[in-house]
Amino acid sequence: MSSLLYSFVTPALTILLPKVAQEFKNATFYSAFYICFIIGFIAGSIMTEKMKVKVKTISITWLLSALLVLLMFFLTKNWFGFSLLIFSFGFITSIHNILSESMIQIVSDDQILGRILTTIRTSTSIGGPIE
């Protein structure tokens, strides 16, 4: 399920971020949006060090990240709110990714772990943009 969200989000942000930056008539916003995402992603990865791997937490972070992406479509006129949503999306996505990968490693037998991770990576690539 997380690969479905990822497959949607990557092309959506690839289209949405430059469009919003163009609406603000300043290309600097495009870089600022990615900086907000990266800072959020790093903060989220630091936060996961203190968290336990639970299916409930993974589910909640998945739902929150989907909600944040939907909210981005409605706050495209407010650069501060939009940037805050991108930061929050990076934060929540980082937590979701790390906990999901950890859960896969915990529940998977070592002999098939590589196959499972490769299958997941391949499925996320299928839904991504074609360049």
C-alpha atoms as a PDB file:
ATOM      1  CA  MET A   1       0.000   0.000   0.000  1.00  0.00           C
ATOM      2  CA  SER A   2       2.821   2.405   0.749  1.00  0.00           C
ATOM      3  CA  SER A   3       4.219   1.819  -2.731  1.00  0.00           C
ATOM      4  CA  LEU A   4       0.901   3.036  -4.156  1.00  0.00           C
ATOM      5  CA  LEU A   5       1.172   6.294  -2.231  1.00  0.00           C
ATOM      6  CA  TYR A   6       4.812   6.686  -3.262  1.00  0.00           C
ATOM      7  CA  SER A   7       3.936   6.031  -6.902  1.00  0.00           C
ATOM      8  CA  PHE A   8       1.363   8.820  -6.729  1.00  0.00           C
ATOM      9  CA  VAL A   9       3.363  11.306  -4.668  1.00  0.00           C
ATOM     10  CA  THR A  10       6.581  11.322  -6.676  1.00  0.00           C
ATOM     11  CA  PRO A  11       4.976  12.419  -9.973  1.00  0.00           C
ATOM     12  CA  ALA A  12       2.576  14.741  -8.136  1.00  0.00           C
ATOM     13  CA  LEU A  13       5.414  16.605  -6.408  1.00  0.00           C
ATOM     14  CA  THR A  14       7.480  16.582  -9.605  1.00  0.00           C
ATOM     15  CA  ILE A  15       4.649  18.501 -11.273  1.00  0.00           C
ATOM     16  CA  LEU A  16       3.289  20.480  -8.317  1.00  0.00           C
ATOM     17  CA  LEU A  17       6.467  22.004  -6.849  1.00  0.00           C
ATOM     18  CA  PRO A  18       7.700  23.753 -10.023  1.00  0.00           C
ATOM     19  CA  LYS A  19       4.143  24.869 -10.821  1.00  0.00           C
ATOM     20  CA  VAL A  20       3.696  26.469  -7.395  1.00  0.00           C
ATOM     21  CA  ALA A  21       7.127  28.108  -7.569  1.00  0.00           C
ATOM     22  CA  GLN A  22       6.203  29.510 -10.978  1.00  0.00           C
ATOM     23  CA  GLU A  23       2.938  30.899  -9.575  1.00  0.00           C
ATOM     24  CA  PHE A  24       4.966  32.784  -6.958  1.00  0.00           C
ATOM     25  CA  LYS A  25       7.074  34.139  -9.854  1.00  0.00           C
ATOM     26  CA  ASN A  26      10.298  33.160  -8.134  1.00  0.00           C
ATOM     27  CA  ALA A  27      12.356  30.071  -8.963  1.00  0.00           C
ATOM     28  CA  THR A  28      13.976  30.248  -5.521  1.00  0.00           C
ATOM     29  CA  PHE A  29      10.787  28.817  -4.053  1.00  0.00           C
ATOM     30  CA  TYR A  30      11.404  25.582  -5.946  1.00  0.00           C
ATOM     31  CA  SER A  31      14.720  25.068  -4.139  1.00  0.00           C
ATOM     32  CA  ALA A  32      13.205  26.228  -0.856  1.00  0.00           C
ATOM     33  CA  PHE A  33      10.460  23.597  -1.147  1.00  0.00           C
ATOM     34  CA  TYR A  34      13.016  20.828  -1.550  1.00  0.00           C
ATOM     35  CA  ILE A  35      15.085  22.186   1.330  1.00  0.00           C
ATOM     36  CA  CYS A  36      11.950  22.102   3.519  1.00  0.00           C
ATOM     37  CA  PHE A  37      11.365  18.497   2.472  1.00  0.00           C
ATOM     38  CA  ILE A  38      14.971  17.442   3.200  1.00  0.00           C
ATOM     39  CA  ILE A  39      15.039  19.159   6.598  1.00  0.00           C
ATOM     40  CA  GLY A  40      11.754  17.460   7.485  1.00  0.00           C
ATOM     41  CA  PHE A  41      13.070  14.124   6.242  1.00  0.00           C
ATOM     42  CA  ILE A  42      16.221  14.405   8.358  1.00  0.00           C
ATOM     43  CA  ALA A  43      14.220  15.472  11.429  1.00  0.00           C
ATOM     44  CA  GLY A  44      11.885  12.508  10.926  1.00  0.00           C
ATOM     45  CA  SER A  45      14.778  10.079  10.651  1.00  0.00           C
ATOM     46  CA  ILE A  46      16.208  11.409  13.911  1.00  0.00           C
ATOM     47  CA  MET A  47      12.789  11.049  15.553  1.00  0.00           C
ATOM     48  CA  THR A  48      12.442   7.376  14.577  1.00  0.00           C
ATOM     49  CA  GLU A  49      15.410   6.500  16.762  1.00  0.00           C
ATOM     50  CA  LYS A  50      13.105   6.894  19.768  1.00  0.00           C
ATOM     51  CA  MET A  51      10.120   5.080  18.246  1.00  0.00           C
ATOM     52  CA  LYS A  52       9.056   1.456  18.388  1.00  0.00           C
ATOM     53  CA  VAL A  53       8.135  -0.368  15.198  1.00  0.00           C
ATOM     54  CA  LYS A  54       4.375  -0.880  15.306  1.00  0.00           C
ATOM     55  CA  VAL A  55       1.893  -1.559  12.526  1.00  0.00           C
ATOM     56  CA  LYS A  56      -0.454   1.060  13.988  1.00  0.00           C
ATOM     57  CA  THR A  57       2.224   3.765  13.814  1.00  0.00           C
ATOM     58  CA  ILE A  58       3.078   2.797  10.235  1.00  0.00           C
ATOM     59  CA  SER A  59      -0.591   3.001   9.262  1.00  0.00           C
ATOM     60  CA  ILE A  60      -1.077   6.377  10.923  1.00  0.00           C
ATOM     61  CA  THR A  61       2.010   7.870   9.264  1.00  0.00           C
ATOM     62  CA  TRP A  62       0.845   6.540   5.887  1.00  0.00           C
ATOM     63  CA  LEU A  63      -2.551   8.184   6.323  1.00  0.00           C
ATOM     64  CA  LEU A  64      -0.991  11.427   7.539  1.00  0.00           C
ATOM     65  CA  SER A  65       1.382  11.613   4.584  1.00  0.00           C
ATOM     66  CA  ALA A  66      -1.516  11.073   2.170  1.00  0.00           C
ATOM     67  CA  LEU A  67      -3.506  13.800   3.936  1.00  0.00           C
ATOM     68  CA  LEU A  68      -0.571  16.215   3.749  1.00  0.00           C
ATOM     69  CA  VAL A  69      -0.231  15.693  -0.001  1.00  0.00           C
ATOM     70  CA  LEU A  70      -3.943  16.376  -0.479  1.00  0.00           C
ATOM     71  CA  LEU A  71      -3.689  19.543   1.633  1.00  0.00           C
ATOM     72  CA  MET A  72      -0.809  20.746  -0.553  1.00  0.00           C
ATOM     73  CA  PHE A  73      -3.201  21.015  -3.493  1.00  0.00           C
ATOM     74  CA  PHE A  74      -5.346  23.459  -1.509  1.00  0.00           C
ATOM     75  CA  LEU A  75      -2.561  25.656  -0.091  1.00  0.00           C
ATOM     76  CA  THR A  76      -0.745  26.486  -3.297  1.00  0.00           C
ATOM     77  CA  LYS A  77      -1.400  30.230  -2.856  1.00  0.00           C
ATOM     78  CA  ASN A  78       0.219  30.484   0.582  1.00  0.00           C
ATOM     79  CA  TRP A  79       3.978  29.902   0.306  1.00  0.00           C
ATOM     80  CA  PHE A  80       4.495  29.624   4.081  1.00  0.00           C
ATOM     81  CA  GLY A  81       1.683  27.117   4.602  1.00  0.00           C
ATOM     82  CA  PHE A  82       2.780  25.176   1.533  1.00  0.00           C
ATOM     83  CA  SER A  83       6.377  25.059   2.777  1.00  0.00           C
ATOM     84  CA  LEU A  84       5.186  23.907   6.201  1.00  0.00           C
ATOM     85  CA  LEU A  85       3.178  21.111   4.569  1.00  0.00           C
ATOM     86  CA  ILE A  86       6.219  20.020   2.558  1.00  0.00           C
ATOM     87  CA  PHE A  87       8.364  20.001   5.710  1.00  0.00           C
ATOM     88  CA  SER A  88       5.664  17.982   7.514  1.00  0.00           C
ATOM     89  CA  PHE A  89       5.364  15.603   4.576  1.00  0.00           C
ATOM     90  CA  GLY A  90       9.130  14.998   4.621  1.00  0.00           C
ATOM     91  CA  PHE A  91       9.008  14.440   8.388  1.00  0.00           C
ATOM     92  CA  ILE A  92       6.099  11.981   8.304  1.00  0.00           C
ATOM     93  CA  THR A  93       7.331  10.216   5.164  1.00  0.00           C
ATOM     94  CA  SER A  94      10.724   9.636   6.739  1.00  0.00           C
ATOM     95  CA  ILE A  95       9.151   8.078   9.812  1.00  0.00           C
ATOM     96  CA  HIS A  96       6.857   5.954   7.662  1.00  0.00           C
ATOM     97  CA  ASN A  97       9.663   4.743   5.385  1.00  0.00           C
ATOM     98  CA  ILE A  98      12.030   3.844   8.213  1.00  0.00           C
ATOM     99  CA  LEU A  99       9.393   2.075  10.303  1.00  0.00           C
ATOM    100  CA  SER A 100       8.026   0.219   7.262  1.00  0.00           C
ATOM    101  CA  GLU A 101      11.471  -0.983   6.212  1.00  0.00           C
ATOM    102  CA  SER A 102      12.226  -1.984   9.796  1.00  0.00           C
ATOM    103  CA  MET A 103       8.975  -3.931  10.026  1.00  0.00           C
ATOM    104  CA  ILE A 104       9.775  -5.758   6.799  1.00  0.00           C
ATOM    105  CA  GLN A 105      13.192  -6.693   8.152  1.00  0.00           C
ATOM    106  CA  ILE A 106      11.723  -7.880  11.466  1.00  0.00           C
ATOM    107  CA  VAL A 107       8.988 -10.097  10.010  1.00  0.00           C
ATOM    108  CA  SER A 108      10.847 -11.437   6.954  1.00  0.00           C
ATOM    109  CA  ASP A 109      13.038 -14.475   6.953  1.00  0.00           C
ATOM    110  CA  ASP A 110      16.644 -13.533   6.139  1.00  0.00           C
ATOM    111  CA  GLN A 111      16.706 -15.947   3.180  1.00  0.00           C
ATOM    112  CA  ILE A 112      13.952 -14.086   1.321  1.00  0.00           C
ATOM    113  CA  LEU A 113      14.487 -10.537   2.587  1.00  0.00           C
ATOM    114  CA  GLY A 114      16.350  -9.458  -0.544  1.00  0.00           C
ATOM    115  CA  ARG A 115      13.527 -10.713  -2.777  1.00  0.00           C
ATOM    116  CA  ILE A 116      10.913  -8.920  -0.724  1.00  0.00           C
ATOM    117  CA  LEU A 117      12.764  -5.593  -0.743  1.00  0.00           C
ATOM    118  CA  THR A 118      13.493  -5.888  -4.476  1.00  0.00           C
ATOM    119  CA  THR A 119       9.833  -6.599  -5.214  1.00  0.00           C
ATOM    120  CA  ILE A 120       8.781  -3.536  -3.238  1.00  0.00           C
ATOM    121  CA  ARG A 121      11.350  -1.321  -4.976  1.00  0.00           C
ATOM    122  CA  THR A 122      10.275  -2.603  -8.383  1.00  0.00           C
ATOM    123  CA  SER A 123       6.592  -2.010  -7.648  1.00  0.00           C
ATOM    124  CA  THR A 124       7.277   1.610  -6.653  1.00  0.00           C
ATOM    125  CA  SER A 125       9.261   2.162  -9.834  1.00  0.00           C
ATOM    126  CA  ILE A 126       6.398   0.899 -11.980  1.00  0.00           C
ATOM    127  CA  GLY A 127       4.134   3.740 -10.856  1.00  0.00           C
ATOM    128  CA  GLY A 128       6.774   6.437 -11.224  1.00  0.00           C
ATOM    129  CA  PRO A 129       7.068   8.959 -14.007  1.00  0.00           C
ATOM    130  CA  ILE A 130       8.553   7.945 -17.346  1.00  0.00           C
ATOM    131  CA  GLU A 131      11.219  10.365 -18.491  1.00  0.00           C
END
